[in-house]
C-alpha atoms as a PDB file:
ATOM      1  CA  TRP A   1      16.961 174.521 103.867  1.00  0.00           C
ATOM      2  CA  ASN A   2      13.245 174.822 102.930  1.00  0.00           C
ATOM      3  CA  GLY A   3      14.272 177.434 100.358  1.00  0.00           C
ATOM      4  CA  LYS A   4      16.310 179.483 102.856  1.00  0.00           C
ATOM      5  CA  SER A   5      20.086 179.934 102.642  1.00  0.00           C
ATOM      6  CA  ALA A   6      22.207 179.065 105.653  1.00  0.00           C
ATOM      7  CA  THR A   7      25.746 178.202 106.752  1.00  0.00           C
ATOM      8  CA  VAL A   8      26.511 174.950 108.565  1.00  0.00           C
ATOM      9  CA  ARG A   9      27.780 175.703 112.094  1.00  0.00           C
ATOM     10  CA  TYR A  10      27.539 172.270 113.725  1.00  0.00           C
ATOM     11  CA  ILE A  11      27.503 168.632 112.564  1.00  0.00           C
ATOM     12  CA  GLY A  12      27.010 165.731 114.930  1.00  0.00           C
ATOM     13  CA  ASN A  13      24.859 164.140 117.584  1.00  0.00           C
ATOM     14  CA  VAL A  14      22.403 166.121 119.713  1.00  0.00           C
ATOM     15  CA  LYS A  15      20.688 165.649 123.053  1.00  0.00           C
ATOM     16  CA  PHE A  16      17.154 166.187 121.762  1.00  0.00           C
ATOM     17  CA  SER A  17      16.982 163.394 119.161  1.00  0.00           C
ATOM     18  CA  ALA A  18      18.771 160.408 117.668  1.00  0.00           C
ATOM     19  CA  GLY A  19      20.876 160.458 114.512  1.00  0.00           C
ATOM     20  CA  GLU A  20      23.128 163.036 112.870  1.00  0.00           C
ATOM     21  CA  TRP A  21      21.947 166.658 112.873  1.00  0.00           C
ATOM     22  CA  LEU A  22      23.261 169.899 111.388  1.00  0.00           C
ATOM     23  CA  GLY A  23      23.152 173.231 113.185  1.00  0.00           C
ATOM     24  CA  LEU A  24      22.529 176.080 110.736  1.00  0.00           C
ATOM     25  CA  GLU A  25      22.885 179.839 110.918  1.00  0.00           C
ATOM     26  CA  LEU A  26      20.291 181.354 108.603  1.00  0.00           C
ATOM     27  CA  SER A  27      21.365 184.294 106.465  1.00  0.00           C
ATOM     28  CA  GLU A  28      18.040 185.983 107.201  1.00  0.00           C
ATOM     29  CA  ALA A  29      15.884 186.001 110.322  1.00  0.00           C
ATOM     30  CA  GLY A  30      13.382 183.216 110.797  1.00  0.00           C
ATOM     31  CA  GLY A  31      15.241 180.719 112.950  1.00  0.00           C
ATOM     32  CA  VAL A  32      14.304 179.611 116.440  1.00  0.00           C
ATOM     33  CA  HIS A  33      17.409 179.857 118.649  1.00  0.00           C
ATOM     34  CA  ASP A  34      21.032 181.048 118.943  1.00  0.00           C
ATOM     35  CA  GLY A  35      22.707 177.647 118.691  1.00  0.00           C
ATOM     36  CA  ASN A  36      21.697 176.771 122.254  1.00  0.00           C
ATOM     37  CA  VAL A  37      18.875 174.204 122.479  1.00  0.00           C
ATOM     38  CA  LEU A  38      17.333 173.117 125.779  1.00  0.00           C
ATOM     39  CA  GLY A  39      20.381 174.254 127.698  1.00  0.00           C
ATOM     40  CA  VAL A  40      23.022 172.656 125.452  1.00  0.00           C
ATOM     41  CA  CYS A  41      25.253 174.988 123.414  1.00  0.00           C
ATOM     42  CA  TYR A  42      26.030 173.426 120.016  1.00  0.00           C
ATOM     43  CA  PHE A  43      27.222 176.573 118.220  1.00  0.00           C
ATOM     44  CA  GLU A  44      26.890 180.354 118.415  1.00  0.00           C
ATOM     45  CA  CYS A  45      24.891 182.682 116.181  1.00  0.00           C
ATOM     46  CA  PRO A  46      22.609 185.722 116.587  1.00  0.00           C
ATOM     47  CA  THR A  47      19.343 185.029 118.430  1.00  0.00           C
ATOM     48  CA  GLY A  48      16.599 183.846 116.064  1.00  0.00           C
ATOM     49  CA  LYS A  49      19.032 182.802 113.327  1.00  0.00           C
ATOM     50  CA  GLY A  50      19.704 179.214 114.405  1.00  0.00           C
ATOM     51  CA  VAL A  51      17.912 176.025 113.338  1.00  0.00           C
ATOM     52  CA  PHE A  52      18.643 172.300 113.308  1.00  0.00           C
ATOM     53  CA  ALA A  53      17.966 169.998 110.367  1.00  0.00           C
ATOM     54  CA  GLN A  54      19.007 166.592 109.099  1.00  0.00           C
ATOM     55  CA  PRO A  55      21.225 166.199 106.001  1.00  0.00           C
ATOM     56  CA  ALA A  56      18.408 164.884 103.814  1.00  0.00           C
ATOM     57  CA  GLN A  57      16.455 168.118 104.368  1.00  0.00           C
ATOM     58  CA  LEU A  58      19.147 170.350 102.880  1.00  0.00           C
ATOM     59  CA  SER A  59      20.112 171.399  99.382  1.00  0.00           C
ATOM     60  CA  GLN A  60      23.637 172.647  98.742  1.00  0.00           C
ATOM     61  CA  VAL A  61      24.628 176.054  97.383  1.00  0.00           C
ATOM     62  CA  ALA A  62      27.341 175.774  94.751  1.00  0.00           C
ATOM     63  CA  MET A  63      28.727 177.946  91.930  1.00  0.00           C
ATOM     64  CA  GLY A  64      26.431 180.763  92.931  1.00  0.00           C
ATOM     65  CA  GLY A  65      23.343 178.640  92.410  1.00  0.00           C
ATOM     66  CA  LEU A  66      21.226 176.209  94.379  1.00  0.00           C
ATOM     67  CA  LYS A  67      21.048 172.483  93.824  1.00  0.00           C
ATOM     68  CA  ALA A  68      17.438 171.930  94.721  1.00  0.00           C
ATOM     69  CA  SER A  69      14.528 170.000  93.377  1.00  0.00           C
ATOM     70  CA  ALA A  70      11.300 171.667  92.350  1.00  0.00           C
ATOM     71  CA  GLU A  71       9.638 170.150  95.400  1.00  0.00           C
ATOM     72  CA  GLN A  72      12.206 171.722  97.733  1.00  0.00           C
ATOM     73  CA  GLU A  73      11.767 175.137  96.136  1.00  0.00           C
ATOM     74  CA  GLU A  74       8.029 174.953  96.689  1.00  0.00           C
ATOM     75  CA  GLY A  75       8.522 174.434 100.439  1.00  0.00           C
ATOM     76  CA  PRO A  76       8.719 171.618 102.982  1.00  0.00           C
ATOM     77  CA  VAL A  77       6.517 168.559 102.597  1.00  0.00           C
ATOM     78  CA  ALA A  78       4.658 167.647 105.771  1.00  0.00           C
ATOM     79  CA  LEU A  79       5.053 164.127 107.152  1.00  0.00           C
ATOM     80  CA  PRO A  80       2.085 161.781 106.678  1.00  0.00           C
ATOM     81  CA  SER A  81      -0.294 161.692 109.630  1.00  0.00           C
ATOM     82  CA  LYS A  82      -2.405 158.876 111.052  1.00  0.00           C
ATOM     83  CA  ASP A  83      -6.187 159.241 110.883  1.00  0.00           C
ATOM     84  CA  LYS A  84      -6.711 158.460 114.559  1.00  0.00           C
ATOM     85  CA  THR A  85      -4.833 158.065 117.813  1.00  0.00           C
ATOM     86  CA  ALA A  86      -3.910 154.519 118.859  1.00  0.00           C
ATOM     87  CA  ASP A  87      -6.936 154.261 121.173  1.00  0.00           C
ATOM     88  CA  GLY A  88      -9.275 155.735 118.542  1.00  0.00           C
ATOM     89  CA  SER A  89     -10.383 158.591 120.817  1.00  0.00           C
ATOM     90  CA  ILE A  90      -9.088 161.505 118.713  1.00  0.00           C
ATOM     91  CA  SER A  91      -9.243 161.918 114.935  1.00  0.00           C
ATOM     92  CA  LEU A  92      -7.374 164.057 112.431  1.00  0.00           C
ATOM     93  CA  GLY A  93      -9.221 167.361 111.995  1.00  0.00           C
ATOM     94  CA  GLN A  94     -11.119 167.019 115.265  1.00  0.00           C
ATOM     95  CA  GLU A  95     -11.619 170.054 117.483  1.00  0.00           C
ATOM     96  CA  VAL A  96     -10.104 169.577 120.941  1.00  0.00           C
ATOM     97  CA  THR A  97      -9.280 171.621 124.022  1.00  0.00           C
ATOM     98  CA  TRP A  98      -5.707 172.017 125.267  1.00  0.00           C
ATOM     99  CA  LYS A  99      -5.270 173.918 128.538  1.00  0.00           C
ATOM    100  CA  GLY A 100      -8.614 175.633 127.987  1.00  0.00           C
ATOM    101  CA  LYS A 101      -7.692 176.675 124.431  1.00  0.00           C
ATOM    102  CA  LYS A 102      -9.567 175.480 121.350  1.00  0.00           C
ATOM    103  CA  ALA A 103      -7.525 173.795 118.641  1.00  0.00           C
ATOM    104  CA  ASN A 104      -7.794 171.531 115.598  1.00  0.00           C
ATOM    105  CA  VAL A 105      -5.798 168.325 115.272  1.00  0.00           C
ATOM    106  CA  ARG A 106      -3.416 168.641 112.292  1.00  0.00           C
ATOM    107  CA  TYR A 107      -1.044 165.729 112.930  1.00  0.00           C
ATOM    108  CA  ILE A 108      -1.150 162.378 114.753  1.00  0.00           C
ATOM    109  CA  GLY A 109       1.870 160.106 114.979  1.00  0.00           C
ATOM    110  CA  ASN A 110       5.484 159.715 116.002  1.00  0.00           C
ATOM    111  CA  VAL A 111       7.904 162.648 116.255  1.00  0.00           C
ATOM    112  CA  LYS A 112      11.668 163.119 116.161  1.00  0.00           C
ATOM    113  CA  PHE A 113      11.907 165.041 119.432  1.00  0.00           C
ATOM    114  CA  SER A 114      10.436 162.446 121.804  1.00  0.00           C
ATOM    115  CA  ALA A 115       9.068 158.922 122.148  1.00  0.00           C
ATOM    116  CA  GLY A 116       5.409 157.945 121.985  1.00  0.00           C
ATOM    117  CA  GLU A 117       2.394 159.226 120.079  1.00  0.00           C
ATOM    118  CA  TRP A 118       1.995 162.995 119.740  1.00  0.00           C
ATOM    119  CA  LEU A 119      -0.654 165.300 118.283  1.00  0.00           C
ATOM    120  CA  GLY A 120       0.131 168.453 116.344  1.00  0.00           C
ATOM    121  CA  LEU A 121      -2.442 171.157 117.044  1.00  0.00           C
ATOM    122  CA  GLU A 122      -3.348 174.431 115.373  1.00  0.00           C
ATOM    123  CA  LEU A 123      -4.638 176.769 118.068  1.00  0.00           C
ATOM    124  CA  LYS A 124      -7.655 178.834 117.067  1.00  0.00           C
ATOM    125  CA  ASP A 125      -7.329 182.005 119.116  1.00  0.00           C
ATOM    126  CA  ALA A 126      -4.255 181.595 121.296  1.00  0.00           C
ATOM    127  CA  ALA A 127      -0.497 181.824 120.923  1.00  0.00           C
ATOM    128  CA  GLY A 128       1.385 178.637 120.097  1.00  0.00           C
ATOM    129  CA  VAL A 129       5.127 178.192 119.570  1.00  0.00           C
ATOM    130  CA  HIS A 130       5.710 177.158 115.943  1.00  0.00           C
ATOM    131  CA  ASP A 131       4.180 176.681 112.471  1.00  0.00           C
ATOM    132  CA  GLY A 132       4.064 172.876 112.472  1.00  0.00           C
ATOM    133  CA  ASN A 133       7.813 172.657 111.870  1.00  0.00           C
ATOM    134  CA  VAL A 134       9.825 171.568 114.930  1.00  0.00           C
ATOM    135  CA  LEU A 135      13.632 171.360 114.927  1.00  0.00           C
ATOM    136  CA  GLY A 136      13.707 171.244 111.142  1.00  0.00           C
ATOM    137  CA  VAL A 137      11.024 168.573 110.681  1.00  0.00           C
ATOM    138  CA  CYS A 138       7.734 169.584 109.059  1.00  0.00           C
ATOM    139  CA  TYR A 139       4.855 167.679 110.658  1.00  0.00           C
ATOM    140  CA  PHE A 140       2.004 169.921 109.465  1.00  0.00           C
ATOM    141  CA  GLU A 141       1.437 173.473 108.277  1.00  0.00           C
ATOM    142  CA  CYS A 142      -0.291 176.308 110.132  1.00  0.00           C
ATOM    143  CA  PRO A 143       0.246 180.059 110.633  1.00  0.00           C
ATOM    144  CA  SER A 144       3.460 180.922 112.488  1.00  0.00           C
ATOM    145  CA  GLY A 145       2.969 180.953 116.255  1.00  0.00           C
ATOM    146  CA  LYS A 146      -0.248 178.883 116.145  1.00  0.00           C
ATOM    147  CA  GLY A 147       1.217 175.380 116.365  1.00  0.00           C
ATOM    148  CA  ILE A 148       1.762 173.233 119.456  1.00  0.00           C
ATOM    149  CA  PHE A 149       2.405 169.557 120.227  1.00  0.00           C
ATOM    150  CA  ALA A 150       0.668 167.621 122.987  1.00  0.00           C
ATOM    151  CA  GLN A 151       0.004 164.031 123.969  1.00  0.00           C
ATOM    152  CA  PRO A 152      -3.500 162.534 123.824  1.00  0.00           C
ATOM    153  CA  ALA A 153      -3.897 162.449 127.615  1.00  0.00           C
ATOM    154  CA  GLN A 154      -3.414 166.232 127.748  1.00  0.00           C
ATOM    155  CA  LEU A 155      -6.433 166.949 125.544  1.00  0.00           C
ATOM    156  CA  SER A 156     -10.151 167.093 126.113  1.00  0.00           C
ATOM    157  CA  GLY A 157     -12.381 166.315 123.124  1.00  0.00           C
ATOM    158  CA  GLY A 158     -15.707 167.863 122.303  1.00  0.00           C
ATOM    159  CA  GLY A 159     -15.371 169.180 118.771  1.00  0.00           C
ATOM    160  CA  ALA A 160     -17.164 167.670 115.821  1.00  0.00           C
ATOM    161  CA  VAL A 161     -15.143 165.364 113.619  1.00  0.00           C
ATOM    162  CA  PRO A 162     -15.199 166.626 110.006  1.00  0.00           C
ATOM    163  CA  ALA A 163     -16.597 164.433 107.291  1.00  0.00           C
ATOM    164  CA  ARG A 164     -13.181 163.752 105.790  1.00  0.00           C
ATOM    165  CA  ALA A 165     -11.916 162.125 108.985  1.00  0.00           C
ATOM    166  CA  PRO A 166     -13.213 158.538 109.201  1.00  0.00           C
ATOM    167  CA  ALA A 167     -14.345 158.416 112.817  1.00  0.00           C
ATOM    168  CA  SER A 168     -16.972 156.468 114.677  1.00  0.00           C
ATOM    169  CA  ALA A 169     -19.330 158.885 116.384  1.00  0.00           C
ATOM    170  CA  ALA A 170     -20.172 156.586 119.284  1.00  0.00           C
ATOM    171  CA  PRO A 171     -16.632 155.990 120.597  1.00  0.00           C
ATOM    172  CA  VAL A 172     -15.690 159.670 120.194  1.00  0.00           C
ATOM    173  CA  ALA A 173     -18.815 160.766 122.018  1.00  0.00           C
ATOM    174  CA  ALA A 174     -18.084 158.353 124.851  1.00  0.00           C
ATOM    175  CA  VAL A 175     -14.537 159.606 125.227  1.00  0.00           C
ATOM    176  CA  SER A 176     -15.650 163.229 125.003  1.00  0.00           C
ATOM    177  CA  THR A 177     -18.146 162.663 127.826  1.00  0.00           C
ATOM    178  CA  LYS A 178     -15.435 161.082 129.939  1.00  0.00           C
ATOM    179  CA  LEU A 179     -13.014 163.931 129.306  1.00  0.00           C
ATOM    180  CA  THR A 180     -15.620 166.632 129.922  1.00  0.00           C
ATOM    181  CA  ALA A 181     -15.691 165.566 133.567  1.00  0.00           C
ATOM    182  CA  VAL A 182     -12.126 166.813 134.018  1.00  0.00           C
ATOM    183  CA  VAL A 183     -12.266 169.889 131.792  1.00  0.00           C
ATOM    184  CA  SER A 184     -12.954 172.211 134.723  1.00  0.00           C
ATOM    185  CA  VAL A 185      -9.748 171.027 136.394  1.00  0.00           C
ATOM    186  CA  GLU A 186      -7.694 171.197 133.182  1.00  0.00           C
ATOM    187  CA  ASP A 187      -8.945 174.680 132.368  1.00  0.00           C
ATOM    188  CA  GLU A 188      -7.504 175.991 135.649  1.00  0.00           C
ATOM    189  CA  GLY A 189      -4.060 175.323 134.175  1.00  0.00           C
ATOM    190  CA  PRO A 190      -1.722 172.393 133.628  1.00  0.00           C
ATOM    191  CA  THR A 191      -0.613 170.253 136.555  1.00  0.00           C
ATOM    192  CA  THR A 192       3.159 170.211 136.693  1.00  0.00           C
ATOM    193  CA  LEU A 193       5.078 166.951 136.870  1.00  0.00           C
ATOM    194  CA  PRO A 194       6.418 165.898 140.288  1.00  0.00           C
ATOM    195  CA  SER A 195      10.029 166.879 140.865  1.00  0.00           C
ATOM    196  CA  LYS A 196      12.791 165.145 142.820  1.00  0.00           C
ATOM    197  CA  GLU A 197      14.202 166.940 145.854  1.00  0.00           C
ATOM    198  CA  ARG A 198      17.805 166.549 144.718  1.00  0.00           C
ATOM    199  CA  THR A 199      19.903 165.501 141.746  1.00  0.00           C
ATOM    200  CA  ALA A 200      21.175 161.921 141.719  1.00  0.00           C
ATOM    201  CA  ASP A 201      24.609 162.982 143.021  1.00  0.00           C
ATOM    202  CA  GLY A 202      23.079 165.173 145.726  1.00  0.00           C
ATOM    203  CA  SER A 203      24.877 168.304 144.532  1.00  0.00           C
ATOM    204  CA  ILE A 204      21.822 170.372 143.566  1.00  0.00           C
ATOM    205  CA  SER A 205      18.550 170.740 145.477  1.00  0.00           C
ATOM    206  CA  LEU A 206      15.087 171.934 144.514  1.00  0.00           C
ATOM    207  CA  GLY A 207      14.847 175.673 145.205  1.00  0.00           C
ATOM    208  CA  GLN A 208      18.621 176.166 145.158  1.00  0.00           C
ATOM    209  CA  GLN A 209      20.135 179.186 143.421  1.00  0.00           C
ATOM    210  CA  VAL A 210      22.609 178.187 140.715  1.00  0.00           C
ATOM    211  CA  LYS A 211      24.518 179.711 137.828  1.00  0.00           C
ATOM    212  CA  TRP A 212      23.960 178.679 134.196  1.00  0.00           C
ATOM    213  CA  ASN A 213      25.961 180.272 131.363  1.00  0.00           C
ATOM    214  CA  GLY A 214      26.751 183.222 133.628  1.00  0.00           C
ATOM    215  CA  LYS A 215      23.075 183.759 134.528  1.00  0.00           C
ATOM    216  CA  MET A 216      21.580 183.220 137.984  1.00  0.00           C
ATOM    217  CA  GLY A 217      18.542 180.988 138.325  1.00  0.00           C
ATOM    218  CA  MET A 218      16.441 179.050 140.827  1.00  0.00           C
ATOM    219  CA  VAL A 219      15.995 175.280 140.515  1.00  0.00           C
ATOM    220  CA  ARG A 220      12.294 174.574 139.876  1.00  0.00           C
ATOM    221  CA  TYR A 221      12.418 170.987 138.612  1.00  0.00           C
ATOM    222  CA  ILE A 222      14.747 167.970 138.882  1.00  0.00           C
ATOM    223  CA  GLY A 223      14.063 164.712 137.063  1.00  0.00           C
ATOM    224  CA  ASN A 224      13.457 162.995 133.752  1.00  0.00           C
ATOM    225  CA  VAL A 225      12.067 164.782 130.693  1.00  0.00           C
ATOM    226  CA  LYS A 226      10.388 163.812 127.440  1.00  0.00           C
ATOM    227  CA  PHE A 227      12.838 165.631 125.156  1.00  0.00           C
ATOM    228  CA  GLY A 228      16.098 163.979 126.192  1.00  0.00           C
ATOM    229  CA  ALA A 229      17.699 161.142 128.113  1.00  0.00           C
ATOM    230  CA  GLY A 230      19.129 161.419 131.605  1.00  0.00           C
ATOM    231  CA  GLU A 231      18.485 163.759 134.503  1.00  0.00           C
ATOM    232  CA  TRP A 232      17.625 167.396 133.776  1.00  0.00           C
ATOM    233  CA  VAL A 233      17.215 170.496 135.903  1.00  0.00           C
ATOM    234  CA  GLY A 234      14.520 173.082 135.163  1.00  0.00           C
ATOM    235  CA  LEU A 235      15.538 176.642 136.032  1.00  0.00           C
ATOM    236  CA  GLU A 236      13.750 179.954 136.447  1.00  0.00           C
ATOM    237  CA  LEU A 237      16.297 182.604 135.501  1.00  0.00           C
ATOM    238  CA  THR A 238      16.437 185.618 137.779  1.00  0.00           C
ATOM    239  CA  ASP A 239      18.706 187.864 135.725  1.00  0.00           C
ATOM    240  CA  GLY A 240      18.616 186.592 132.176  1.00  0.00           C
ATOM    241  CA  LYS A 241      16.420 185.613 129.262  1.00  0.00           C
ATOM    242  CA  GLY A 242      15.119 182.042 129.048  1.00  0.00           C
ATOM    243  CA  VAL A 243      13.106 180.295 126.359  1.00  0.00           C
ATOM    244  CA  HIS A 244       9.858 179.039 127.940  1.00  0.00           C
ATOM    245  CA  ASP A 245       7.558 179.109 130.990  1.00  0.00           C
ATOM    246  CA  GLY A 246       8.382 175.650 132.326  1.00  0.00           C
ATOM    247  CA  ASN A 247       6.277 173.987 129.643  1.00  0.00           C
ATOM    248  CA  VAL A 248       8.302 172.297 126.884  1.00  0.00           C
ATOM    249  CA  LEU A 249       6.627 170.764 123.812  1.00  0.00           C
ATOM    250  CA  GLY A 250       3.305 170.564 125.645  1.00  0.00           C
ATOM    251  CA  VAL A 251       4.618 169.000 128.870  1.00  0.00           C
ATOM    252  CA  PRO A 252       4.406 171.203 132.022  1.00  0.00           C
ATOM    253  CA  TYR A 253       7.460 170.513 134.206  1.00  0.00           C
ATOM    254  CA  PHE A 254       7.231 173.638 136.377  1.00  0.00           C
ATOM    255  CA  GLU A 255       5.737 177.126 136.286  1.00  0.00           C
ATOM    256  CA  CYS A 256       7.534 180.440 135.838  1.00  0.00           C
ATOM    257  CA  PRO A 257       7.002 183.689 133.890  1.00  0.00           C
ATOM    258  CA  ALA A 258       7.120 183.275 130.110  1.00  0.00           C
ATOM    259  CA  GLY A 259      10.645 183.581 128.738  1.00  0.00           C
ATOM    260  CA  LYS A 260      12.322 182.881 132.082  1.00  0.00           C
ATOM    261  CA  GLY A 261      12.574 179.081 131.969  1.00  0.00           C
ATOM    262  CA  VAL A 262      15.449 176.938 130.697  1.00  0.00           C
ATOM    263  CA  PHE A 263      16.558 173.313 131.076  1.00  0.00           C
ATOM    264  CA  ALA A 264      20.117 172.214 131.728  1.00  0.00           C
ATOM    265  CA  GLN A 265      21.936 169.142 132.926  1.00  0.00           C
ATOM    266  CA  PRO A 266      23.551 169.133 136.387  1.00  0.00           C
ATOM    267  CA  ALA A 267      27.100 169.249 134.975  1.00  0.00           C
ATOM    268  CA  GLN A 268      26.271 172.561 133.254  1.00  0.00           C
ATOM    269  CA  LEU A 269      25.398 174.310 136.506  1.00  0.00           C
ATOM    270  CA  LEU A 270      27.489 176.064 139.140  1.00  0.00           C
ATOM    271  CA  GLY A 271      26.025 175.733 142.662  1.00  0.00           C
ATOM    272  CA  GLY A 272      26.591 177.985 145.640  1.00  0.00           C
ATOM    273  CA  GLY A 273      23.451 180.114 145.835  1.00  0.00           C
ATOM    274  CA  SER A 274      21.048 180.207 148.738  1.00  0.00           C
ATOM    275  CA  VAL A 275      18.370 177.570 149.046  1.00  0.00           C
ATOM    276  CA  SER A 276      14.739 178.478 149.548  1.00  0.00           C
ATOM    277  CA  ALA A 277      13.035 177.776 152.846  1.00  0.00           C
ATOM    278  CA  GLY A 278      12.341 174.132 153.455  1.00  0.00           C
ATOM    279  CA  ALA A 279      14.926 172.857 150.985  1.00  0.00           C
ATOM    280  CA  SER A 280      18.061 171.265 152.414  1.00  0.00           C
ATOM    281  CA  VAL A 281      21.472 172.275 151.185  1.00  0.00           C
ATOM    282  CA  ALA A 282      23.524 169.548 149.574  1.00  0.00           C
ATOM    283  CA  PRO A 283      27.312 169.703 149.816  1.00  0.00           C
ATOM    284  CA  VAL A 284      28.983 170.923 146.634  1.00  0.00           C
ATOM    285  CA  PRO A 285      31.393 168.301 145.225  1.00  0.00           C
ATOM    286  CA  PRO A 286      35.072 169.420 145.136  1.00  0.00           C
ATOM    287  CA  ALA A 287      35.137 169.208 141.315  1.00  0.00           C
ATOM    288  CA  LEU A 288      32.160 171.551 141.104  1.00  0.00           C
ATOM    289  CA  ALA A 289      33.514 173.892 143.781  1.00  0.00           C
ATOM    290  CA  ALA A 290      36.767 174.245 141.827  1.00  0.00           C
ATOM    291  CA  ALA A 291      34.767 175.385 138.816  1.00  0.00           C
ATOM    292  CA  MET A 292      32.750 178.001 140.716  1.00  0.00           C
ATOM    293  CA  ALA A 293      35.141 180.838 139.856  1.00  0.00           C
ATOM    294  CA  PRO A 294      34.834 181.005 136.061  1.00  0.00           C
ATOM    295  CA  THR A 295      37.014 183.241 133.967  1.00  0.00           C
ATOM    296  CA  ALA A 296      35.658 186.412 132.400  1.00  0.00           C
ATOM    297  CA  SER A 297      35.346 184.679 129.037  1.00  0.00           C
ATOM    298  CA  GLU A 298      33.317 181.860 130.607  1.00  0.00           C
ATOM    299  CA  ASP A 299      30.928 184.385 132.112  1.00  0.00           C
ATOM    300  CA  LEU A 300      30.440 186.054 128.766  1.00  0.00           C
ATOM    301  CA  ARG A 301      29.574 183.018 126.694  1.00  0.00           C
ATOM    302  CA  PRO A 302      29.158 179.238 127.043  1.00  0.00           C
ATOM    303  CA  SER A 303      31.589 176.753 125.561  1.00  0.00           C
ATOM    304  CA  THR A 304      30.224 175.154 122.417  1.00  0.00           C
ATOM    305  CA  LEU A 305      30.306 171.412 121.769  1.00  0.00           C
ATOM    306  CA  PRO A 306      32.917 170.158 119.277  1.00  0.00           C
ATOM    307  CA  SER A 307      31.547 169.695 115.759  1.00  0.00           C
ATOM    308  CA  LYS A 308      32.493 167.244 113.017  1.00  0.00           C
ATOM    309  CA  ASP A 309      34.035 168.628 109.813  1.00  0.00           C
ATOM    310  CA  LYS A 310      31.598 166.801 107.501  1.00  0.00           C
ATOM    311  CA  THR A 311      28.367 164.827 107.572  1.00  0.00           C
ATOM    312  CA  ALA A 312      28.623 161.043 107.617  1.00  0.00           C
ATOM    313  CA  ASP A 313      28.048 160.838 103.853  1.00  0.00           C
ATOM    314  CA  GLY A 314      30.526 163.664 103.155  1.00  0.00           C
ATOM    315  CA  SER A 315      27.936 165.770 101.321  1.00  0.00           C
ATOM    316  CA  ILE A 316      27.945 168.798 103.648  1.00  0.00           C
ATOM    317  CA  SER A 317      30.921 170.503 105.329  1.00  0.00           C
ATOM    318  CA  LEU A 318      31.238 172.789 108.329  1.00  0.00           C
ATOM    319  CA  GLY A 319      30.996 176.422 107.209  1.00  0.00           C
ATOM    320  CA  GLN A 320      29.277 175.542 103.933  1.00  0.00           C
ATOM    321  CA  GLN A 321      26.411 177.710 102.732  1.00  0.00           C
ATOM    322  CA  VAL A 322      23.126 175.811 102.401  1.00  0.00           C
ATOM    323  CA  LYS A 323      19.444 176.541 101.978  1.00  0.00           C
ATOM    324  CA  TRP A 324      16.839 175.688 104.640  1.00  0.00           C
ATOM    325  CA  ASN A 325      13.134 176.521 104.274  1.00  0.00           C
ATOM    326  CA  GLY A 326      13.968 179.108 101.649  1.00  0.00           C
ATOM    327  CA  LYS A 327      16.588 180.826 103.839  1.00  0.00           C
ATOM    328  CA  VAL A 328      20.332 180.923 103.206  1.00  0.00           C
ATOM    329  CA  ALA A 329      22.505 179.937 106.184  1.00  0.00           C
ATOM    330  CA  CYS A 330      26.090 178.922 106.977  1.00  0.00           C
END
């Protein structure tokens, strides 16, 4: 995959996008997870060795050699970007401000991980979360840890549009002036999305202490999300390592210390902890109560989702060694 060898650990549908995806364990470091993505455990591998990709992005390893085109060996090809956002307010290459941080627009268009129009940004002097490649799809290229995705409404303009980007100065200036009026508010930090008080079935309440994959956490958000369908619960882990600070792919759902936040679906959680002041306690359904005494093995590791044996076209099998972004994985 992208010139990297890997072994296929999962084949099938995922919660974060449509279509068939493959979960890979890279032979060398350079992945982004441990087989667990946004609270769903697809497979297990060492932390930082897991990635997801689609079949068309992979080249097979056979007879000790790689079946790969010259283009694949050179590296991933970024998806084509639009020149402007749908409303014409932001152009490719423009300098913008995201949460008080300066950045350049490197991609405008649709993405695999969510609906709607998104902008890929290269942050100038702040830490991002990727290199333009998200979940195996290369949208643009930038130094590792400098890339971020955001939606147009989350940005304030104000940077000059380079000559190569065909933009009308008047409309951009007008939008920039309009956005400048709210920069002082945006620079104080992102406003989190409103949360529900309880899950749809009433089993979990905002502020409640719950258990996720053997780790205790506090419920900080309940509601819909941009990265998947259905109802999700945002947690701040109290005794374990999470993956974010409540902000996922540029959308602030809640706030917590960096590396303490995770998302999960209600069925993945065990209730029974205390509820913070002001939050009412919902009765725990009998089915959930019966599952509140997990076995030792359940406390040690989550159950992985069942995987297919082969991709739909039969070209890649579970356990096969492949190459992704120049790294060998199984």
